[in-house]
Amino acid sequence: MSDQCFKTLGVSTRLAIYQFLKSRPNASATVTEVVEKVSLTQPTVSYHLKEMERVGLLSRTKKGRKVLYTVNDVCPKYHRKCTLADIKFPKDLCAHQTSG
């Protein structure tokens, strides 16, 4: 896994978003669903999602007017199963209030 992926997830908000997406069916959600879960503004969530996509943690697909973000199972650097796929995050990780 790329060091950049770990640095990106070093931000608690991004880690909470990543955990939320991993816990979803198909490891994906719309921006609106993420906003509701982490209780942050849409522009803030969009910024974090774009940063996570930039390093290869997430991919996005457009369905009509909605954008769906999905956790990548393949490491963007090594092109094999992502190390994060095997990490078990605490279930209450997303339950706390996140900031920025």
PDB file of N, CA and C in Angstrom:
ATOM      1  N   MET A   1       0.832  -1.180   0.000  1.00  0.00           N
ATOM      2  CA  MET A   1       0.000   0.000   0.000  1.00  0.00           C
ATOM      3  C   MET A   1       0.870   1.234   0.000  1.00  0.00           C
ATOM      4  N   SER A   2       0.474   2.192  -0.710  1.00  0.00           N
ATOM      5  CA  SER A   2       1.196   3.442  -0.825  1.00  0.00           C
ATOM      6  C   SER A   2       1.206   4.201   0.499  1.00  0.00           C
ATOM      7  N   ASP A   3       2.358   4.818   0.805  1.00  0.00           N
ATOM      8  CA  ASP A   3       2.425   5.666   1.998  1.00  0.00           C
ATOM      9  C   ASP A   3       1.387   6.772   1.925  1.00  0.00           C
ATOM     10  N   GLN A   4       1.103   7.228   0.722  1.00  0.00           N
ATOM     11  CA  GLN A   4       0.128   8.299   0.540  1.00  0.00           C
ATOM     12  C   GLN A   4      -1.254   7.878   1.026  1.00  0.00           C
ATOM     13  N   CYS A   5      -1.594   6.619   0.876  1.00  0.00           N
ATOM     14  CA  CYS A   5      -2.891   6.130   1.357  1.00  0.00           C
ATOM     15  C   CYS A   5      -2.966   6.250   2.876  1.00  0.00           C
ATOM     16  N   PHE A   6      -1.895   5.832   3.558  1.00  0.00           N
ATOM     17  CA  PHE A   6      -1.881   5.931   5.020  1.00  0.00           C
ATOM     18  C   PHE A   6      -1.927   7.378   5.474  1.00  0.00           C
ATOM     19  N   LYS A   7      -1.198   8.246   4.805  1.00  0.00           N
ATOM     20  CA  LYS A   7      -1.228   9.671   5.155  1.00  0.00           C
ATOM     21  C   LYS A   7      -2.628  10.234   4.973  1.00  0.00           C
ATOM     22  N   THR A   8      -3.269   9.851   3.900  1.00  0.00           N
ATOM     23  CA  THR A   8      -4.615  10.337   3.622  1.00  0.00           C
ATOM     24  C   THR A   8      -5.589   9.888   4.708  1.00  0.00           C
ATOM     25  N   LEU A   9      -5.455   8.654   5.164  1.00  0.00           N
ATOM     26  CA  LEU A   9      -6.342   8.148   6.207  1.00  0.00           C
ATOM     27  C   LEU A   9      -5.924   8.594   7.606  1.00  0.00           C
ATOM     28  N   GLY A  10      -4.826   9.335   7.703  1.00  0.00           N
ATOM     29  CA  GLY A  10      -4.398   9.894   8.981  1.00  0.00           C
ATOM     30  C   GLY A  10      -5.312  11.010   9.458  1.00  0.00           C
ATOM     31  N   VAL A  11      -6.174  11.491   8.597  1.00  0.00           N
ATOM     32  CA  VAL A  11      -7.169  12.499   8.950  1.00  0.00           C
ATOM     33  C   VAL A  11      -8.406  11.751   9.435  1.00  0.00           C
ATOM     34  N   SER A  12      -8.811  12.015  10.667  1.00  0.00           N
ATOM     35  CA  SER A  12      -9.888  11.225  11.285  1.00  0.00           C
ATOM     36  C   SER A  12     -11.184  11.236  10.474  1.00  0.00           C
ATOM     37  N   THR A  13     -11.491  12.348   9.859  1.00  0.00           N
ATOM     38  CA  THR A  13     -12.703  12.423   9.040  1.00  0.00           C
ATOM     39  C   THR A  13     -12.623  11.451   7.873  1.00  0.00           C
ATOM     40  N   ARG A  14     -11.470  11.380   7.230  1.00  0.00           N
ATOM     41  CA  ARG A  14     -11.310  10.476   6.091  1.00  0.00           C
ATOM     42  C   ARG A  14     -11.366   9.021   6.535  1.00  0.00           C
ATOM     43  N   LEU A  15     -10.788   8.738   7.674  1.00  0.00           N
ATOM     44  CA  LEU A  15     -10.841   7.378   8.189  1.00  0.00           C
ATOM     45  C   LEU A  15     -12.288   6.985   8.490  1.00  0.00           C
ATOM     46  N   ALA A  16     -13.052   7.899   9.063  1.00  0.00           N
ATOM     47  CA  ALA A  16     -14.466   7.630   9.347  1.00  0.00           C
ATOM     48  C   ALA A  16     -15.249   7.414   8.057  1.00  0.00           C
ATOM     49  N   ILE A  17     -14.970   8.227   7.043  1.00  0.00           N
ATOM     50  CA  ILE A  17     -15.638   8.075   5.751  1.00  0.00           C
ATOM     51  C   ILE A  17     -15.273   6.726   5.133  1.00  0.00           C
ATOM     52  N   TYR A  18     -13.990   6.379   5.174  1.00  0.00           N
ATOM     53  CA  TYR A  18     -13.534   5.107   4.610  1.00  0.00           C
ATOM     54  C   TYR A  18     -14.220   3.934   5.307  1.00  0.00           C
ATOM     55  N   GLN A  19     -14.270   3.974   6.626  1.00  0.00           N
ATOM     56  CA  GLN A  19     -14.918   2.908   7.388  1.00  0.00           C
ATOM     57  C   GLN A  19     -16.400   2.826   7.048  1.00  0.00           C
ATOM     58  N   PHE A  20     -17.048   3.964   6.943  1.00  0.00           N
ATOM     59  CA  PHE A  20     -18.468   3.982   6.585  1.00  0.00           C
ATOM     60  C   PHE A  20     -18.683   3.335   5.220  1.00  0.00           C
ATOM     61  N   LEU A  21     -17.876   3.723   4.238  1.00  0.00           N
ATOM     62  CA  LEU A  21     -18.018   3.153   2.899  1.00  0.00           C
ATOM     63  C   LEU A  21     -17.755   1.649   2.910  1.00  0.00           C
ATOM     64  N   LYS A  22     -16.728   1.210   3.653  1.00  0.00           N
ATOM     65  CA  LYS A  22     -16.416  -0.222   3.729  1.00  0.00           C
ATOM     66  C   LYS A  22     -17.563  -1.022   4.323  1.00  0.00           C
ATOM     67  N   SER A  23     -18.317  -0.412   5.218  1.00  0.00           N
ATOM     68  CA  SER A  23     -19.387  -1.123   5.910  1.00  0.00           C
ATOM     69  C   SER A  23     -20.665  -1.226   5.080  1.00  0.00           C
ATOM     70  N   ARG A  24     -20.716  -0.522   3.970  1.00  0.00           N
ATOM     71  CA  ARG A  24     -21.916  -0.482   3.133  1.00  0.00           C
ATOM     72  C   ARG A  24     -21.946  -1.644   2.132  1.00  0.00           C
ATOM     73  N   PRO A  25     -23.147  -2.003   1.689  1.00  0.00           N
ATOM     74  CA  PRO A  25     -23.220  -2.987   0.605  1.00  0.00           C
ATOM     75  C   PRO A  25     -22.457  -2.460  -0.605  1.00  0.00           C
ATOM     76  N   ASN A  26     -21.671  -3.286  -1.218  1.00  0.00           N
ATOM     77  CA  ASN A  26     -20.826  -2.913  -2.349  1.00  0.00           C
ATOM     78  C   ASN A  26     -19.775  -1.865  -1.993  1.00  0.00           C
ATOM     79  N   ALA A  27     -19.566  -1.595  -0.697  1.00  0.00           N
ATOM     80  CA  ALA A  27     -18.582  -0.630  -0.206  1.00  0.00           C
ATOM     81  C   ALA A  27     -18.711   0.705  -0.924  1.00  0.00           C
ATOM     82  N   SER A  28     -19.945   1.185  -1.066  1.00  0.00           N
ATOM     83  CA  SER A  28     -20.151   2.438  -1.779  1.00  0.00           C
ATOM     84  C   SER A  28     -21.325   3.224  -1.208  1.00  0.00           C
ATOM     85  N   ALA A  29     -21.336   4.534  -1.524  1.00  0.00           N
ATOM     86  CA  ALA A  29     -22.413   5.408  -1.082  1.00  0.00           C
ATOM     87  C   ALA A  29     -22.362   6.702  -1.885  1.00  0.00           C
ATOM     88  N   THR A  30     -23.471   7.417  -1.863  1.00  0.00           N
ATOM     89  CA  THR A  30     -23.514   8.732  -2.490  1.00  0.00           C
ATOM     90  C   THR A  30     -22.924   9.767  -1.533  1.00  0.00           C
ATOM     91  N   VAL A  31     -22.615  10.922  -2.071  1.00  0.00           N
ATOM     92  CA  VAL A  31     -22.094  12.009  -1.243  1.00  0.00           C
ATOM     93  C   VAL A  31     -23.110  12.359  -0.155  1.00  0.00           C
ATOM     94  N   THR A  32     -24.375  12.400  -0.505  1.00  0.00           N
ATOM     95  CA  THR A  32     -25.432  12.728   0.455  1.00  0.00           C
ATOM     96  C   THR A  32     -25.455  11.743   1.612  1.00  0.00           C
ATOM     97  N   GLU A  33     -25.301  10.467   1.323  1.00  0.00           N
ATOM     98  CA  GLU A  33     -25.285   9.450   2.377  1.00  0.00           C
ATOM     99  C   GLU A  33     -24.081   9.633   3.297  1.00  0.00           C
ATOM    100  N   VAL A  34     -22.942   9.978   2.733  1.00  0.00           N
ATOM    101  CA  VAL A  34     -21.746  10.214   3.555  1.00  0.00           C
ATOM    102  C   VAL A  34     -21.952  11.448   4.422  1.00  0.00           C
ATOM    103  N   VAL A  35     -22.501  12.517   3.841  1.00  0.00           N
ATOM    104  CA  VAL A  35     -22.765  13.751   4.599  1.00  0.00           C
ATOM    105  C   VAL A  35     -23.644  13.452   5.806  1.00  0.00           C
ATOM    106  N   GLU A  36     -24.695  12.679   5.606  1.00  0.00           N
ATOM    107  CA  GLU A  36     -25.609  12.338   6.708  1.00  0.00           C
ATOM    108  C   GLU A  36     -24.906  11.534   7.792  1.00  0.00           C
ATOM    109  N   LYS A  37     -23.991  10.677   7.404  1.00  0.00           N
ATOM    110  CA  LYS A  37     -23.315   9.812   8.376  1.00  0.00           C
ATOM    111  C   LYS A  37     -22.289  10.574   9.210  1.00  0.00           C
ATOM    112  N   VAL A  38     -21.493  11.419   8.575  1.00  0.00           N
ATOM    113  CA  VAL A  38     -20.407  12.068   9.312  1.00  0.00           C
ATOM    114  C   VAL A  38     -20.772  13.461   9.819  1.00  0.00           C
ATOM    115  N   SER A  39     -21.973  13.919   9.503  1.00  0.00           N
ATOM    116  CA  SER A  39     -22.475  15.204   9.998  1.00  0.00           C
ATOM    117  C   SER A  39     -21.546  16.370   9.683  1.00  0.00           C
ATOM    118  N   LEU A  40     -21.069  16.416   8.462  1.00  0.00           N
ATOM    119  CA  LEU A  40     -20.267  17.543   7.975  1.00  0.00           C
ATOM    120  C   LEU A  40     -20.963  18.127   6.755  1.00  0.00           C
ATOM    121  N   THR A  41     -20.540  19.307   6.341  1.00  0.00           N
ATOM    122  CA  THR A  41     -21.156  19.931   5.182  1.00  0.00           C
ATOM    123  C   THR A  41     -20.790  19.181   3.904  1.00  0.00           C
ATOM    124  N   GLN A  42     -21.613  19.336   2.891  1.00  0.00           N
ATOM    125  CA  GLN A  42     -21.368  18.674   1.617  1.00  0.00           C
ATOM    126  C   GLN A  42     -20.035  19.100   0.996  1.00  0.00           C
ATOM    127  N   PRO A  43     -19.671  20.398   1.005  1.00  0.00           N
ATOM    128  CA  PRO A  43     -18.372  20.765   0.427  1.00  0.00           C
ATOM    129  C   PRO A  43     -17.192  20.122   1.163  1.00  0.00           C
ATOM    130  N   THR A  44     -17.280  20.004   2.475  1.00  0.00           N
ATOM    131  CA  THR A  44     -16.207  19.381   3.255  1.00  0.00           C
ATOM    132  C   THR A  44     -16.089  17.899   2.923  1.00  0.00           C
ATOM    133  N   VAL A  45     -17.204  17.216   2.871  1.00  0.00           N
ATOM    134  CA  VAL A  45     -17.200  15.793   2.540  1.00  0.00           C
ATOM    135  C   VAL A  45     -16.685  15.582   1.122  1.00  0.00           C
ATOM    136  N   SER A  46     -17.129  16.399   0.188  1.00  0.00           N
ATOM    137  CA  SER A  46     -16.669  16.282  -1.198  1.00  0.00           C
ATOM    138  C   SER A  46     -15.162  16.457  -1.299  1.00  0.00           C
ATOM    139  N   TYR A  47     -14.626  17.407  -0.545  1.00  0.00           N
ATOM    140  CA  TYR A  47     -13.171  17.615  -0.530  1.00  0.00           C
ATOM    141  C   TYR A  47     -12.444  16.349  -0.067  1.00  0.00           C
ATOM    142  N   HIS A  48     -12.900  15.779   1.036  1.00  0.00           N
ATOM    143  CA  HIS A  48     -12.251  14.583   1.573  1.00  0.00           C
ATOM    144  C   HIS A  48     -12.385  13.397   0.609  1.00  0.00           C
ATOM    145  N   LEU A  49     -13.546  13.250   0.002  1.00  0.00           N
ATOM    146  CA  LEU A  49     -13.745  12.163  -0.962  1.00  0.00           C
ATOM    147  C   LEU A  49     -12.811  12.321  -2.164  1.00  0.00           C
ATOM    148  N   LYS A  50     -12.651  13.538  -2.643  1.00  0.00           N
ATOM    149  CA  LYS A  50     -11.762  13.773  -3.784  1.00  0.00           C
ATOM    150  C   LYS A  50     -10.311  13.471  -3.434  1.00  0.00           C
ATOM    151  N   GLU A  51      -9.900  13.811  -2.222  1.00  0.00           N
ATOM    152  CA  GLU A  51      -8.531  13.495  -1.792  1.00  0.00           C
ATOM    153  C   GLU A  51      -8.324  11.985  -1.716  1.00  0.00           C
ATOM    154  N   MET A  52      -9.318  11.283  -1.224  1.00  0.00           N
ATOM    155  CA  MET A  52      -9.221   9.828  -1.129  1.00  0.00           C
ATOM    156  C   MET A  52      -9.229   9.192  -2.515  1.00  0.00           C
ATOM    157  N   GLU A  53      -9.987   9.769  -3.420  1.00  0.00           N
ATOM    158  CA  GLU A  53      -9.987   9.279  -4.800  1.00  0.00           C
ATOM    159  C   GLU A  53      -8.641   9.565  -5.469  1.00  0.00           C
ATOM    160  N   ARG A  54      -8.079  10.725  -5.200  1.00  0.00           N
ATOM    161  CA  ARG A  54      -6.807  11.128  -5.806  1.00  0.00           C
ATOM    162  C   ARG A  54      -5.690  10.131  -5.527  1.00  0.00           C
ATOM    163  N   VAL A  55      -5.646   9.591  -4.299  1.00  0.00           N
ATOM    164  CA  VAL A  55      -4.585   8.636  -3.962  1.00  0.00           C
ATOM    165  C   VAL A  55      -4.952   7.197  -4.303  1.00  0.00           C
ATOM    166  N   GLY A  56      -6.178   6.977  -4.756  1.00  0.00           N
ATOM    167  CA  GLY A  56      -6.572   5.644  -5.197  1.00  0.00           C
ATOM    168  C   GLY A  56      -7.338   4.816  -4.196  1.00  0.00           C
ATOM    169  N   LEU A  57      -7.702   5.399  -3.057  1.00  0.00           N
ATOM    170  CA  LEU A  57      -8.487   4.648  -2.075  1.00  0.00           C
ATOM    171  C   LEU A  57      -9.923   4.425  -2.536  1.00  0.00           C
ATOM    172  N   LEU A  58     -10.439   5.379  -3.292  1.00  0.00           N
ATOM    173  CA  LEU A  58     -11.818   5.322  -3.759  1.00  0.00           C
ATOM    174  C   LEU A  58     -11.885   5.509  -5.264  1.00  0.00           C
ATOM    175  N   SER A  59     -12.973   5.051  -5.830  1.00  0.00           N
ATOM    176  CA  SER A  59     -13.292   5.384  -7.212  1.00  0.00           C
ATOM    177  C   SER A  59     -14.699   5.949  -7.213  1.00  0.00           C
ATOM    178  N   ARG A  60     -15.044   6.638  -8.276  1.00  0.00           N
ATOM    179  CA  ARG A  60     -16.396   7.189  -8.339  1.00  0.00           C
ATOM    180  C   ARG A  60     -17.014   6.897  -9.690  1.00  0.00           C
ATOM    181  N   THR A  61     -18.318   6.743  -9.650  1.00  0.00           N
ATOM    182  CA  THR A  61     -19.092   6.558 -10.865  1.00  0.00           C
ATOM    183  C   THR A  61     -20.288   7.485 -10.798  1.00  0.00           C
ATOM    184  N   LYS A  62     -20.700   7.936 -11.936  1.00  0.00           N
ATOM    185  CA  LYS A  62     -21.832   8.844 -11.994  1.00  0.00           C
ATOM    186  C   LYS A  62     -23.056   8.082 -12.454  1.00  0.00           C
ATOM    187  N   LYS A  63     -24.136   8.228 -11.709  1.00  0.00           N
ATOM    188  CA  LYS A  63     -25.416   7.613 -12.066  1.00  0.00           C
ATOM    189  C   LYS A  63     -26.438   8.739 -12.124  1.00  0.00           C
ATOM    190  N   GLY A  64     -26.676   9.211 -13.325  1.00  0.00           N
ATOM    191  CA  GLY A  64     -27.552  10.366 -13.476  1.00  0.00           C
ATOM    192  C   GLY A  64     -26.888  11.581 -12.856  1.00  0.00           C
ATOM    193  N   ARG A  65     -27.567  12.189 -11.907  1.00  0.00           N
ATOM    194  CA  ARG A  65     -27.008  13.366 -11.236  1.00  0.00           C
ATOM    195  C   ARG A  65     -26.243  13.004  -9.965  1.00  0.00           C
ATOM    196  N   LYS A  66     -26.308  11.739  -9.571  1.00  0.00           N
ATOM    197  CA  LYS A  66     -25.649  11.300  -8.345  1.00  0.00           C
ATOM    198  C   LYS A  66     -24.247  10.785  -8.638  1.00  0.00           C
ATOM    199  N   VAL A  67     -23.353  11.007  -7.689  1.00  0.00           N
ATOM    200  CA  VAL A  67     -22.003  10.453  -7.763  1.00  0.00           C
ATOM    201  C   VAL A  67     -21.888   9.406  -6.670  1.00  0.00           C
ATOM    202  N   LEU A  68     -21.467   8.218  -7.056  1.00  0.00           N
ATOM    203  CA  LEU A  68     -21.337   7.104  -6.129  1.00  0.00           C
ATOM    204  C   LEU A  68     -19.853   6.844  -5.891  1.00  0.00           C
ATOM    205  N   TYR A  69     -19.424   6.904  -4.634  1.00  0.00           N
ATOM    206  CA  TYR A  69     -18.033   6.623  -4.272  1.00  0.00           C
ATOM    207  C   TYR A  69     -17.932   5.201  -3.751  1.00  0.00           C
ATOM    208  N   THR A  70     -16.898   4.493  -4.215  1.00  0.00           N
ATOM    209  CA  THR A  70     -16.709   3.091  -3.885  1.00  0.00           C
ATOM    210  C   THR A  70     -15.282   2.853  -3.424  1.00  0.00           C
ATOM    211  N   VAL A  71     -15.123   2.033  -2.396  1.00  0.00           N
ATOM    212  CA  VAL A  71     -13.795   1.658  -1.903  1.00  0.00           C
ATOM    213  C   VAL A  71     -13.117   0.768  -2.940  1.00  0.00           C
ATOM    214  N   ASN A  72     -11.888   1.096  -3.270  1.00  0.00           N
ATOM    215  CA  ASN A  72     -11.102   0.267  -4.191  1.00  0.00           C
ATOM    216  C   ASN A  72     -10.544  -0.933  -3.439  1.00  0.00           C
ATOM    217  N   ASP A  73     -10.741  -2.107  -3.980  1.00  0.00           N
ATOM    218  CA  ASP A  73     -10.203  -3.327  -3.383  1.00  0.00           C
ATOM    219  C   ASP A  73      -8.773  -3.594  -3.828  1.00  0.00           C
ATOM    220  N   VAL A  74      -8.346  -2.907  -4.878  1.00  0.00           N
ATOM    221  CA  VAL A  74      -7.015  -3.124  -5.443  1.00  0.00           C
ATOM    222  C   VAL A  74      -6.134  -1.933  -5.107  1.00  0.00           C
ATOM    223  N   CYS A  75      -4.932  -2.212  -4.619  1.00  0.00           N
ATOM    224  CA  CYS A  75      -3.974  -1.168  -4.269  1.00  0.00           C
ATOM    225  C   CYS A  75      -3.570  -0.397  -5.528  1.00  0.00           C
ATOM    226  N   PRO A  76      -3.662   0.928  -5.487  1.00  0.00           N
ATOM    227  CA  PRO A  76      -3.323   1.707  -6.674  1.00  0.00           C
ATOM    228  C   PRO A  76      -1.832   1.678  -7.022  1.00  0.00           C
ATOM    229  N   LYS A  77      -1.006   1.351  -6.057  1.00  0.00           N
ATOM    230  CA  LYS A  77       0.443   1.339  -6.305  1.00  0.00           C
ATOM    231  C   LYS A  77       0.943  -0.037  -6.760  1.00  0.00           C
ATOM    232  N   TYR A  78       0.467  -1.091  -6.100  1.00  0.00           N
ATOM    233  CA  TYR A  78       0.986  -2.434  -6.358  1.00  0.00           C
ATOM    234  C   TYR A  78       0.060  -3.305  -7.204  1.00  0.00           C
ATOM    235  N   HIS A  79      -1.134  -2.807  -7.498  1.00  0.00           N
ATOM    236  CA  HIS A  79      -2.091  -3.505  -8.354  1.00  0.00           C
ATOM    237  C   HIS A  79      -2.405  -4.922  -7.878  1.00  0.00           C
ATOM    238  N   ARG A  80      -2.560  -5.046  -6.570  1.00  0.00           N
ATOM    239  CA  ARG A  80      -3.007  -6.302  -5.972  1.00  0.00           C
ATOM    240  C   ARG A  80      -3.931  -5.954  -4.809  1.00  0.00           C
ATOM    241  N   LYS A  81      -4.475  -6.946  -4.147  1.00  0.00           N
ATOM    242  CA  LYS A  81      -5.431  -6.704  -3.070  1.00  0.00           C
ATOM    243  C   LYS A  81      -4.896  -5.666  -2.089  1.00  0.00           C
ATOM    244  N   CYS A  82      -5.733  -4.707  -1.769  1.00  0.00           N
ATOM    245  CA  CYS A  82      -5.358  -3.622  -0.864  1.00  0.00           C
ATOM    246  C   CYS A  82      -5.218  -4.144   0.565  1.00  0.00           C
ATOM    247  N   THR A  83      -4.182  -3.727   1.241  1.00  0.00           N
ATOM    248  CA  THR A  83      -3.940  -4.106   2.635  1.00  0.00           C
ATOM    249  C   THR A  83      -5.122  -3.719   3.522  1.00  0.00           C
ATOM    250  N   LEU A  84      -5.730  -2.590   3.244  1.00  0.00           N
ATOM    251  CA  LEU A  84      -6.840  -2.121   4.063  1.00  0.00           C
ATOM    252  C   LEU A  84      -8.060  -3.035   3.990  1.00  0.00           C
ATOM    253  N   ALA A  85      -8.142  -3.849   2.970  1.00  0.00           N
ATOM    254  CA  ALA A  85      -9.287  -4.752   2.831  1.00  0.00           C
ATOM    255  C   ALA A  85      -9.364  -5.748   3.983  1.00  0.00           C
ATOM    256  N   ASP A  86      -8.227  -6.047   4.614  1.00  0.00           N
ATOM    257  CA  ASP A  86      -8.195  -7.027   5.700  1.00  0.00           C
ATOM    258  C   ASP A  86      -8.253  -6.406   7.094  1.00  0.00           C
ATOM    259  N   ILE A  87      -8.195  -5.095   7.178  1.00  0.00           N
ATOM    260  CA  ILE A  87      -8.218  -4.431   8.485  1.00  0.00           C
ATOM    261  C   ILE A  87      -9.655  -4.366   8.987  1.00  0.00           C
ATOM    262  N   LYS A  88      -9.836  -4.757  10.222  1.00  0.00           N
ATOM    263  CA  LYS A  88     -11.152  -4.689  10.860  1.00  0.00           C
ATOM    264  C   LYS A  88     -11.186  -3.438  11.728  1.00  0.00           C
ATOM    265  N   PHE A  89     -11.971  -2.476  11.329  1.00  0.00           N
ATOM    266  CA  PHE A  89     -12.102  -1.240  12.079  1.00  0.00           C
ATOM    267  C   PHE A  89     -13.137  -1.406  13.183  1.00  0.00           C
ATOM    268  N   PRO A  90     -12.972  -0.682  14.300  1.00  0.00           N
ATOM    269  CA  PRO A  90     -13.993  -0.733  15.346  1.00  0.00           C
ATOM    270  C   PRO A  90     -15.331  -0.243  14.800  1.00  0.00           C
ATOM    271  N   LYS A  91     -16.419  -0.894  15.193  1.00  0.00           N
ATOM    272  CA  LYS A  91     -17.734  -0.513  14.689  1.00  0.00           C
ATOM    273  C   LYS A  91     -18.120   0.903  15.091  1.00  0.00           C
ATOM    274  N   ASP A  92     -17.637   1.391  16.208  1.00  0.00           N
ATOM    275  CA  ASP A  92     -18.027   2.721  16.674  1.00  0.00           C
ATOM    276  C   ASP A  92     -17.116   3.828  16.150  1.00  0.00           C
ATOM    277  N   LEU A  93     -16.228   3.519  15.239  1.00  0.00           N
ATOM    278  CA  LEU A  93     -15.304   4.516  14.720  1.00  0.00           C
ATOM    279  C   LEU A  93     -16.029   5.703  14.116  1.00  0.00           C
ATOM    280  N   CYS A  94     -17.120   5.444  13.410  1.00  0.00           N
ATOM    281  CA  CYS A  94     -17.879   6.513  12.756  1.00  0.00           C
ATOM    282  C   CYS A  94     -18.859   7.185  13.703  1.00  0.00           C
ATOM    283  N   ALA A  95     -19.069   6.620  14.854  1.00  0.00           N
ATOM    284  CA  ALA A  95     -20.095   7.143  15.759  1.00  0.00           C
ATOM    285  C   ALA A  95     -19.713   8.473  16.392  1.00  0.00           C
ATOM    286  N   HIS A  96     -18.411   8.731  16.517  1.00  0.00           N
ATOM    287  CA  HIS A  96     -18.003   9.984  17.146  1.00  0.00           C
ATOM    288  C   HIS A  96     -18.165  11.157  16.196  1.00  0.00           C
ATOM    289  N   GLN A  97     -18.267  12.335  16.735  1.00  0.00           N
ATOM    290  CA  GLN A  97     -18.353  13.537  15.919  1.00  0.00           C
ATOM    291  C   GLN A  97     -17.013  13.785  15.281  1.00  0.00           C
ATOM    292  N   THR A  98     -17.005  14.035  13.999  1.00  0.00           N
ATOM    293  CA  THR A  98     -15.771  14.357  13.294  1.00  0.00           C
ATOM    294  C   THR A  98     -15.672  15.844  13.098  1.00  0.00           C
ATOM    295  N   SER A  99     -14.456  16.317  12.935  1.00  0.00           N
ATOM    296  CA  SER A  99     -14.265  17.736  12.669  1.00  0.00           C
ATOM    297  C   SER A  99     -13.301  17.892  11.525  1.00  0.00           C
ATOM    298  N   GLY A 100     -13.732  18.691  10.526  1.00  0.00           N
ATOM    299  CA  GLY A 100     -12.938  19.066   9.362  1.00  0.00           C
ATOM    300  C   GLY A 100     -12.283  17.979   8.744  1.00  0.00           C
TER     301      GLY A 100
END
